[in-house]
Amino acid sequence: TGHQSTVTLFGAAALARVSQDEADRALEVLLRYGVNHI
């Protein structure tokens, strides 16, 4: 694909039953660790 993905991809099934506030806090965790693939 030409994309350099982090070796851990965010499995977004974890967002299935959470609030937007909880999801937004998860985004901050992804950014903190440099995760770049959802």
All heavy atoms as atom14 arrays in JSON, in Angstrom:
{
  "sequence": "TGHQSTVTLFGAAALARVSQDEADRALEVLLRYGVNHI",
  "atom14_mask": [
    [1, 1, 1, 1, 1, 1, 1, 0, 0, 0, 0, 0, 0, 0],
    [1, 1, 1, 1, 0, 0, 0, 0, 0, 0, 0, 0, 0, 0],
    [1, 1, 1, 1, 1, 1, 1, 1, 1, 1, 0, 0, 0, 0],
    [1, 1, 1, 1, 1, 1, 1, 1, 1, 0, 0, 0, 0, 0],
    [1, 1, 1, 1, 1, 1, 0, 0, 0, 0, 0, 0, 0, 0],
    [1, 1, 1, 1, 1, 1, 1, 0, 0, 0, 0, 0, 0, 0],
    [1, 1, 1, 1, 1, 1, 1, 0, 0, 0, 0, 0, 0, 0],
    [1, 1, 1, 1, 1, 1, 1, 0, 0, 0, 0, 0, 0, 0],
    [1, 1, 1, 1, 1, 1, 1, 1, 0, 0, 0, 0, 0, 0],
    [1, 1, 1, 1, 1, 1, 1, 1, 1, 1, 1, 0, 0, 0],
    [1, 1, 1, 1, 0, 0, 0, 0, 0, 0, 0, 0, 0, 0],
    [1, 1, 1, 1, 1, 0, 0, 0, 0, 0, 0, 0, 0, 0],
    [1, 1, 1, 1, 1, 0, 0, 0, 0, 0, 0, 0, 0, 0],
    [1, 1, 1, 1, 1, 0, 0, 0, 0, 0, 0, 0, 0, 0],
    [1, 1, 1, 1, 1, 1, 1, 1, 0, 0, 0, 0, 0, 0],
    [1, 1, 1, 1, 1, 0, 0, 0, 0, 0, 0, 0, 0, 0],
    [1, 1, 1, 1, 1, 1, 1, 1, 1, 1, 1, 0, 0, 0],
    [1, 1, 1, 1, 1, 1, 1, 0, 0, 0, 0, 0, 0, 0],
    [1, 1, 1, 1, 1, 1, 0, 0, 0, 0, 0, 0, 0, 0],
    [1, 1, 1, 1, 1, 1, 1, 1, 1, 0, 0, 0, 0, 0],
    [1, 1, 1, 1, 1, 1, 1, 1, 0, 0, 0, 0, 0, 0],
    [1, 1, 1, 1, 1, 1, 1, 1, 1, 0, 0, 0, 0, 0],
    [1, 1, 1, 1, 1, 0, 0, 0, 0, 0, 0, 0, 0, 0],
    [1, 1, 1, 1, 1, 1, 1, 1, 0, 0, 0, 0, 0, 0],
    [1, 1, 1, 1, 1, 1, 1, 1, 1, 1, 1, 0, 0, 0],
    [1, 1, 1, 1, 1, 0, 0, 0, 0, 0, 0, 0, 0, 0],
    [1, 1, 1, 1, 1, 1, 1, 1, 0, 0, 0, 0, 0, 0],
    [1, 1, 1, 1, 1, 1, 1, 1, 1, 0, 0, 0, 0, 0],
    [1, 1, 1, 1, 1, 1, 1, 0, 0, 0, 0, 0, 0, 0],
    [1, 1, 1, 1, 1, 1, 1, 1, 0, 0, 0, 0, 0, 0],
    [1, 1, 1, 1, 1, 1, 1, 1, 0, 0, 0, 0, 0, 0],
    [1, 1, 1, 1, 1, 1, 1, 1, 1, 1, 1, 0, 0, 0],
    [1, 1, 1, 1, 1, 1, 1, 1, 1, 1, 1, 1, 0, 0],
    [1, 1, 1, 1, 0, 0, 0, 0, 0, 0, 0, 0, 0, 0],
    [1, 1, 1, 1, 1, 1, 1, 0, 0, 0, 0, 0, 0, 0],
    [1, 1, 1, 1, 1, 1, 1, 1, 0, 0, 0, 0, 0, 0],
    [1, 1, 1, 1, 1, 1, 1, 1, 1, 1, 0, 0, 0, 0],
    [1, 1, 1, 1, 1, 1, 1, 1, 0, 0, 0, 0, 0, 0]
  ],
  "atom14_positions": [
    [[0.81, -1.23, 0.0], [0.0, 0.0, 0.0], [0.83, 1.26, 0.0], [0.32, 2.35, -0.27], [-0.92, 0.05, 1.23], [-0.12, 0.15, 2.42], [-1.81, -1.2, 1.3], [0.0, 0.0, 0.0], [0.0, 0.0, 0.0], [0.0, 0.0, 0.0], [0.0, 0.0, 0.0], [0.0, 0.0, 0.0], [0.0, 0.0, 0.0], [0.0, 0.0, 0.0]],
    [[2.11, 1.16, 0.36], [2.95, 2.34, 0.47], [2.87, 3.01, 1.83], [3.54, 4.02, 2.06], [0.0, 0.0, 0.0], [0.0, 0.0, 0.0], [0.0, 0.0, 0.0], [0.0, 0.0, 0.0], [0.0, 0.0, 0.0], [0.0, 0.0, 0.0], [0.0, 0.0, 0.0], [0.0, 0.0, 0.0], [0.0, 0.0, 0.0], [0.0, 0.0, 0.0]],
    [[2.05, 2.46, 2.74], [1.89, 3.06, 4.06], [2.76, 2.34, 5.08], [2.83, 1.12, 5.12], [0.43, 2.98, 4.51], [0.15, 3.79, 5.73], [0.09, 3.24, 7.0], [-0.09, 5.13, 5.88], [-0.18, 4.2, 7.88], [-0.29, 5.34, 7.23], [0.0, 0.0, 0.0], [0.0, 0.0, 0.0], [0.0, 0.0, 0.0], [0.0, 0.0, 0.0]],
    [[3.43, 3.13, 5.92], [4.19, 2.58, 7.05], [3.26, 2.59, 8.26], [3.04, 3.63, 8.88], [5.43, 3.44, 7.31], [6.47, 3.37, 6.22], [7.33, 2.13, 6.31], [7.51, 1.55, 7.38], [7.86, 1.69, 5.17], [0.0, 0.0, 0.0], [0.0, 0.0, 0.0], [0.0, 0.0, 0.0], [0.0, 0.0, 0.0], [0.0, 0.0, 0.0]],
    [[2.71, 1.44, 8.6], [1.76, 1.34, 9.71], [2.47, 0.92, 10.98], [3.42, 0.13, 10.95], [0.66, 0.31, 9.4], [-0.16, 0.75, 8.33], [0.0, 0.0, 0.0], [0.0, 0.0, 0.0], [0.0, 0.0, 0.0], [0.0, 0.0, 0.0], [0.0, 0.0, 0.0], [0.0, 0.0, 0.0], [0.0, 0.0, 0.0], [0.0, 0.0, 0.0]],
    [[1.98, 1.44, 12.1], [2.48, 0.95, 13.38], [2.19, -0.55, 13.49], [1.18, -1.03, 12.96], [1.81, 1.69, 14.55], [0.41, 1.85, 14.28], [2.44, 3.04, 14.77], [0.0, 0.0, 0.0], [0.0, 0.0, 0.0], [0.0, 0.0, 0.0], [0.0, 0.0, 0.0], [0.0, 0.0, 0.0], [0.0, 0.0, 0.0], [0.0, 0.0, 0.0]],
    [[3.05, -1.28, 14.16], [2.88, -2.74, 14.24], [1.6, -3.11, 15.0], [1.08, -4.21, 14.83], [4.1, -3.43, 14.89], [5.3, -3.33, 13.96], [4.41, -2.85, 16.27], [0.0, 0.0, 0.0], [0.0, 0.0, 0.0], [0.0, 0.0, 0.0], [0.0, 0.0, 0.0], [0.0, 0.0, 0.0], [0.0, 0.0, 0.0], [0.0, 0.0, 0.0]],
    [[1.12, -2.2, 15.84], [-0.18, -2.4, 16.46], [-1.19, -1.51, 15.76], [-1.04, -0.29, 15.69], [-0.15, -2.06, 17.97], [0.58, -0.85, 18.15], [0.48, -3.17, 18.77], [0.0, 0.0, 0.0], [0.0, 0.0, 0.0], [0.0, 0.0, 0.0], [0.0, 0.0, 0.0], [0.0, 0.0, 0.0], [0.0, 0.0, 0.0], [0.0, 0.0, 0.0]],
    [[-2.23, -2.13, 15.21], [-3.32, -1.42, 14.55], [-4.46, -1.29, 15.56], [-4.72, -2.21, 16.33], [-3.81, -2.22, 13.34], [-2.72, -2.82, 12.43], [-3.36, -3.62, 11.31], [-1.81, -1.73, 11.88], [0.0, 0.0, 0.0], [0.0, 0.0, 0.0], [0.0, 0.0, 0.0], [0.0, 0.0, 0.0], [0.0, 0.0, 0.0], [0.0, 0.0, 0.0]],
    [[-5.14, -0.15, 15.56], [-6.22, 0.04, 16.52], [-7.44, -0.76, 16.07], [-8.07, -0.43, 15.05], [-6.58, 1.51, 16.66], [-7.77, 1.75, 17.57], [-7.86, 1.15, 18.81], [-8.81, 2.58, 17.17], [-8.96, 1.35, 19.64], [-9.92, 2.8, 17.99], [-9.99, 2.19, 19.23], [0.0, 0.0, 0.0], [0.0, 0.0, 0.0], [0.0, 0.0, 0.0]],
    [[-7.78, -1.81, 16.82], [-8.98, -2.59, 16.57], [-10.2, -1.84, 17.1], [-10.5, -1.87, 18.29], [0.0, 0.0, 0.0], [0.0, 0.0, 0.0], [0.0, 0.0, 0.0], [0.0, 0.0, 0.0], [0.0, 0.0, 0.0], [0.0, 0.0, 0.0], [0.0, 0.0, 0.0], [0.0, 0.0, 0.0], [0.0, 0.0, 0.0], [0.0, 0.0, 0.0]],
    [[-10.9, -1.13, 16.2], [-11.94, -0.2, 16.63], [-13.25, -0.86, 17.0], [-14.23, -0.17, 17.29], [-12.16, 0.87, 15.57], [0.0, 0.0, 0.0], [0.0, 0.0, 0.0], [0.0, 0.0, 0.0], [0.0, 0.0, 0.0], [0.0, 0.0, 0.0], [0.0, 0.0, 0.0], [0.0, 0.0, 0.0], [0.0, 0.0, 0.0], [0.0, 0.0, 0.0]],
    [[-13.28, -2.19, 17.04], [-14.44, -2.86, 17.66], [-14.57, -2.42, 19.12], [-15.65, -2.49, 19.7], [-14.28, -4.37, 17.58], [0.0, 0.0, 0.0], [0.0, 0.0, 0.0], [0.0, 0.0, 0.0], [0.0, 0.0, 0.0], [0.0, 0.0, 0.0], [0.0, 0.0, 0.0], [0.0, 0.0, 0.0], [0.0, 0.0, 0.0], [0.0, 0.0, 0.0]],
    [[-13.48, -1.93, 19.7], [-13.5, -1.43, 21.08], [-14.4, -0.21, 21.24], [-14.75, 0.15, 22.37], [-12.09, -1.09, 21.53], [0.0, 0.0, 0.0], [0.0, 0.0, 0.0], [0.0, 0.0, 0.0], [0.0, 0.0, 0.0], [0.0, 0.0, 0.0], [0.0, 0.0, 0.0], [0.0, 0.0, 0.0], [0.0, 0.0, 0.0], [0.0, 0.0, 0.0]],
    [[-14.78, 0.43, 20.14], [-15.64, 1.62, 20.2], [-17.12, 1.27, 20.0], [-17.95, 2.18, 19.91], [-15.22, 2.62, 19.13], [-13.77, 3.12, 19.19], [-13.5, 4.08, 18.02], [-13.48, 3.81, 20.51], [0.0, 0.0, 0.0], [0.0, 0.0, 0.0], [0.0, 0.0, 0.0], [0.0, 0.0, 0.0], [0.0, 0.0, 0.0], [0.0, 0.0, 0.0]],
    [[-17.45, 0.01, 19.94], [-18.81, -0.39, 19.57], [-19.88, 0.15, 20.49], [-20.96, 0.55, 20.04], [-18.9, -1.92, 19.52], [0.0, 0.0, 0.0], [0.0, 0.0, 0.0], [0.0, 0.0, 0.0], [0.0, 0.0, 0.0], [0.0, 0.0, 0.0], [0.0, 0.0, 0.0], [0.0, 0.0, 0.0], [0.0, 0.0, 0.0], [0.0, 0.0, 0.0]],
    [[-19.59, 0.2, 21.79], [-20.62, 0.58, 22.76], [-20.07, 1.56, 23.79], [-20.24, 1.38, 24.99], [-21.17, -0.67, 23.46], [-21.98, -1.57, 22.54], [-22.42, -2.85, 23.22], [-21.28, -3.69, 23.56], [-20.7, -4.53, 22.7], [-21.15, -4.63, 21.47], [-19.67, -5.27, 23.06], [0.0, 0.0, 0.0], [0.0, 0.0, 0.0], [0.0, 0.0, 0.0]],
    [[-19.4, 2.61, 23.31], [-18.86, 3.61, 24.22], [-19.39, 4.99, 23.82], [-19.88, 5.19, 22.71], [-17.32, 3.62, 24.23], [-16.77, 2.26, 24.59], [-16.77, 4.07, 22.87], [0.0, 0.0, 0.0], [0.0, 0.0, 0.0], [0.0, 0.0, 0.0], [0.0, 0.0, 0.0], [0.0, 0.0, 0.0], [0.0, 0.0, 0.0], [0.0, 0.0, 0.0]],
    [[-19.29, 5.94, 24.73], [-19.71, 7.32, 24.44], [-18.66, 8.01, 23.58], [-17.51, 7.55, 23.47], [-19.89, 8.09, 25.74], [-18.63, 8.28, 26.38], [0.0, 0.0, 0.0], [0.0, 0.0, 0.0], [0.0, 0.0, 0.0], [0.0, 0.0, 0.0], [0.0, 0.0, 0.0], [0.0, 0.0, 0.0], [0.0, 0.0, 0.0], [0.0, 0.0, 0.0]],
    [[-19.03, 9.15, 23.0], [-18.05, 9.91, 22.22], [-16.92, 10.41, 23.1], [-15.77, 10.47, 22.67], [-18.73, 11.08, 21.5], [-17.84, 11.77, 20.48], [-17.44, 10.84, 19.34], [-18.29, 10.2, 18.73], [-16.14, 10.76, 19.04], [0.0, 0.0, 0.0], [0.0, 0.0, 0.0], [0.0, 0.0, 0.0], [0.0, 0.0, 0.0], [0.0, 0.0, 0.0]],
    [[-17.23, 10.76, 24.34], [-16.19, 11.23, 25.25], [-15.17, 10.12, 25.51], [-13.97, 10.37, 25.51], [-16.82, 11.7, 26.56], [-15.78, 12.29, 27.52], [-15.09, 13.24, 27.13], [-15.66, 11.77, 28.65], [0.0, 0.0, 0.0], [0.0, 0.0, 0.0], [0.0, 0.0, 0.0], [0.0, 0.0, 0.0], [0.0, 0.0, 0.0], [0.0, 0.0, 0.0]],
    [[-15.66, 8.89, 25.74], [-14.74, 7.77, 25.94], [-13.91, 7.51, 24.68], [-12.71, 7.22, 24.75], [-15.53, 6.52, 26.31], [-16.15, 6.57, 27.7], [-17.08, 5.4, 27.95], [-18.02, 5.2, 27.14], [-16.87, 4.67, 28.93], [0.0, 0.0, 0.0], [0.0, 0.0, 0.0], [0.0, 0.0, 0.0], [0.0, 0.0, 0.0], [0.0, 0.0, 0.0]],
    [[-14.57, 7.61, 23.52], [-13.85, 7.41, 22.27], [-12.78, 8.47, 22.08], [-11.65, 8.18, 21.66], [-14.83, 7.44, 21.1], [0.0, 0.0, 0.0], [0.0, 0.0, 0.0], [0.0, 0.0, 0.0], [0.0, 0.0, 0.0], [0.0, 0.0, 0.0], [0.0, 0.0, 0.0], [0.0, 0.0, 0.0], [0.0, 0.0, 0.0], [0.0, 0.0, 0.0]],
    [[-13.1, 9.71, 22.4], [-12.13, 10.79, 22.23], [-10.92, 10.62, 23.15], [-9.79, 10.96, 22.77], [-12.79, 12.14, 22.48], [-13.81, 12.51, 21.39], [-13.8, 11.86, 20.33], [-14.62, 13.42, 21.63], [0.0, 0.0, 0.0], [0.0, 0.0, 0.0], [0.0, 0.0, 0.0], [0.0, 0.0, 0.0], [0.0, 0.0, 0.0], [0.0, 0.0, 0.0]],
    [[-11.14, 10.09, 24.34], [-10.01, 9.81, 25.22], [-9.15, 8.68, 24.66], [-7.93, 8.69, 24.81], [-10.51, 9.49, 26.64], [-11.18, 10.69, 27.32], [-11.17, 10.56, 28.84], [-11.83, 9.36, 29.32], [-13.13, 9.29, 29.61], [-13.92, 10.34, 29.41], [-13.65, 8.18, 30.08], [0.0, 0.0, 0.0], [0.0, 0.0, 0.0], [0.0, 0.0, 0.0]],
    [[-9.79, 7.72, 23.99], [-9.03, 6.65, 23.35], [-8.17, 7.21, 22.22], [-7.03, 6.78, 22.02], [-9.97, 5.58, 22.81], [0.0, 0.0, 0.0], [0.0, 0.0, 0.0], [0.0, 0.0, 0.0], [0.0, 0.0, 0.0], [0.0, 0.0, 0.0], [0.0, 0.0, 0.0], [0.0, 0.0, 0.0], [0.0, 0.0, 0.0], [0.0, 0.0, 0.0]],
    [[-8.71, 8.18, 21.48], [-7.93, 8.82, 20.42], [-6.66, 9.43, 20.98], [-5.58, 9.33, 20.38], [-8.76, 9.9, 19.73], [-8.0, 10.81, 18.76], [-7.45, 10.01, 17.59], [-8.9, 11.94, 18.26], [0.0, 0.0, 0.0], [0.0, 0.0, 0.0], [0.0, 0.0, 0.0], [0.0, 0.0, 0.0], [0.0, 0.0, 0.0], [0.0, 0.0, 0.0]],
    [[-6.76, 10.06, 22.15], [-5.57, 10.65, 22.76], [-4.53, 9.59, 23.09], [-3.32, 9.83, 22.96], [-5.97, 11.43, 24.02], [-6.83, 12.65, 23.75], [-6.19, 13.61, 22.77], [-4.98, 13.9, 22.94], [-6.87, 14.06, 21.83], [0.0, 0.0, 0.0], [0.0, 0.0, 0.0], [0.0, 0.0, 0.0], [0.0, 0.0, 0.0], [0.0, 0.0, 0.0]],
    [[-4.98, 8.41, 23.48], [-4.04, 7.31, 23.75], [-3.36, 6.9, 22.45], [-2.14, 6.67, 22.41], [-4.77, 6.12, 24.4], [-3.81, 4.95, 24.6], [-5.37, 6.53, 25.74], [0.0, 0.0, 0.0], [0.0, 0.0, 0.0], [0.0, 0.0, 0.0], [0.0, 0.0, 0.0], [0.0, 0.0, 0.0], [0.0, 0.0, 0.0], [0.0, 0.0, 0.0]],
    [[-4.13, 6.79, 21.36], [-3.54, 6.43, 20.07], [-2.5, 7.45, 19.65], [-1.4, 7.08, 19.21], [-4.63, 6.34, 19.0], [-5.75, 5.32, 19.21], [-6.72, 5.37, 18.04], [-5.19, 3.91, 19.39], [0.0, 0.0, 0.0], [0.0, 0.0, 0.0], [0.0, 0.0, 0.0], [0.0, 0.0, 0.0], [0.0, 0.0, 0.0], [0.0, 0.0, 0.0]],
    [[-2.81, 8.72, 19.79], [-1.87, 9.76, 19.39], [-0.63, 9.74, 20.27], [0.49, 9.99, 19.81], [-2.55, 11.13, 19.45], [-3.72, 11.34, 18.47], [-4.37, 12.7, 18.71], [-3.25, 11.21, 17.03], [0.0, 0.0, 0.0], [0.0, 0.0, 0.0], [0.0, 0.0, 0.0], [0.0, 0.0, 0.0], [0.0, 0.0, 0.0], [0.0, 0.0, 0.0]],
    [[-0.83, 9.45, 21.54], [0.31, 9.41, 22.46], [1.33, 8.36, 22.04], [2.54, 8.58, 22.13], [-0.2, 9.11, 23.87], [0.92, 9.0, 24.91], [0.38, 8.54, 26.25], [1.44, 8.44, 27.23], [1.58, 7.46, 28.1], [0.72, 6.47, 28.12], [2.56, 7.46, 28.97], [0.0, 0.0, 0.0], [0.0, 0.0, 0.0], [0.0, 0.0, 0.0]],
    [[0.82, 7.23, 21.56], [1.71, 6.13, 21.16], [2.06, 6.16, 19.67], [2.76, 5.28, 19.19], [1.08, 4.79, 21.52], [1.2, 4.46, 23.0], [0.19, 4.78, 23.89], [2.35, 3.83, 23.5], [0.3, 4.48, 25.24], [2.46, 3.52, 24.84], [1.44, 3.85, 25.71], [1.55, 3.55, 27.05], [0.0, 0.0, 0.0], [0.0, 0.0, 0.0]],
    [[1.54, 7.14, 18.96], [1.86, 7.24, 17.54], [1.15, 6.24, 16.65], [1.56, 6.03, 15.5], [0.0, 0.0, 0.0], [0.0, 0.0, 0.0], [0.0, 0.0, 0.0], [0.0, 0.0, 0.0], [0.0, 0.0, 0.0], [0.0, 0.0, 0.0], [0.0, 0.0, 0.0], [0.0, 0.0, 0.0], [0.0, 0.0, 0.0], [0.0, 0.0, 0.0]],
    [[0.09, 5.6, 17.15], [-0.65, 4.63, 16.33], [-1.27, 5.36, 15.15], [-1.91, 6.4, 15.32], [-1.73, 3.92, 17.16], [-2.6, 3.02, 16.29], [-1.09, 3.12, 18.29], [0.0, 0.0, 0.0], [0.0, 0.0, 0.0], [0.0, 0.0, 0.0], [0.0, 0.0, 0.0], [0.0, 0.0, 0.0], [0.0, 0.0, 0.0], [0.0, 0.0, 0.0]],
    [[-1.08, 4.82, 13.95], [-1.51, 5.53, 12.75], [-2.38, 4.68, 11.82], [-2.44, 4.95, 10.62], [-0.29, 6.06, 11.99], [0.56, 4.95, 11.4], [0.37, 3.76, 11.7], [1.51, 5.31, 10.55], [0.0, 0.0, 0.0], [0.0, 0.0, 0.0], [0.0, 0.0, 0.0], [0.0, 0.0, 0.0], [0.0, 0.0, 0.0], [0.0, 0.0, 0.0]],
    [[-3.04, 3.68, 12.36], [-3.84, 2.77, 11.53], [-5.06, 2.33, 12.34], [-4.93, 1.82, 13.45], [-2.97, 1.55, 11.16], [-3.57, 0.62, 10.17], [-2.9, 0.2, 9.05], [-4.77, -0.02, 10.13], [-3.66, -0.65, 8.36], [-4.8, -0.79, 9.01], [0.0, 0.0, 0.0], [0.0, 0.0, 0.0], [0.0, 0.0, 0.0], [0.0, 0.0, 0.0]],
    [[-6.26, 2.55, 11.79], [-7.52, 2.21, 12.44], [-8.24, 1.16, 11.62], [-8.39, 1.3, 10.4], [-8.42, 3.46, 12.59], [-7.76, 4.5, 13.48], [-9.79, 3.08, 13.13], [-8.53, 5.82, 13.55], [0.0, 0.0, 0.0], [0.0, 0.0, 0.0], [0.0, 0.0, 0.0], [0.0, 0.0, 0.0], [0.0, 0.0, 0.0], [0.0, 0.0, 0.0]]
  ]
}
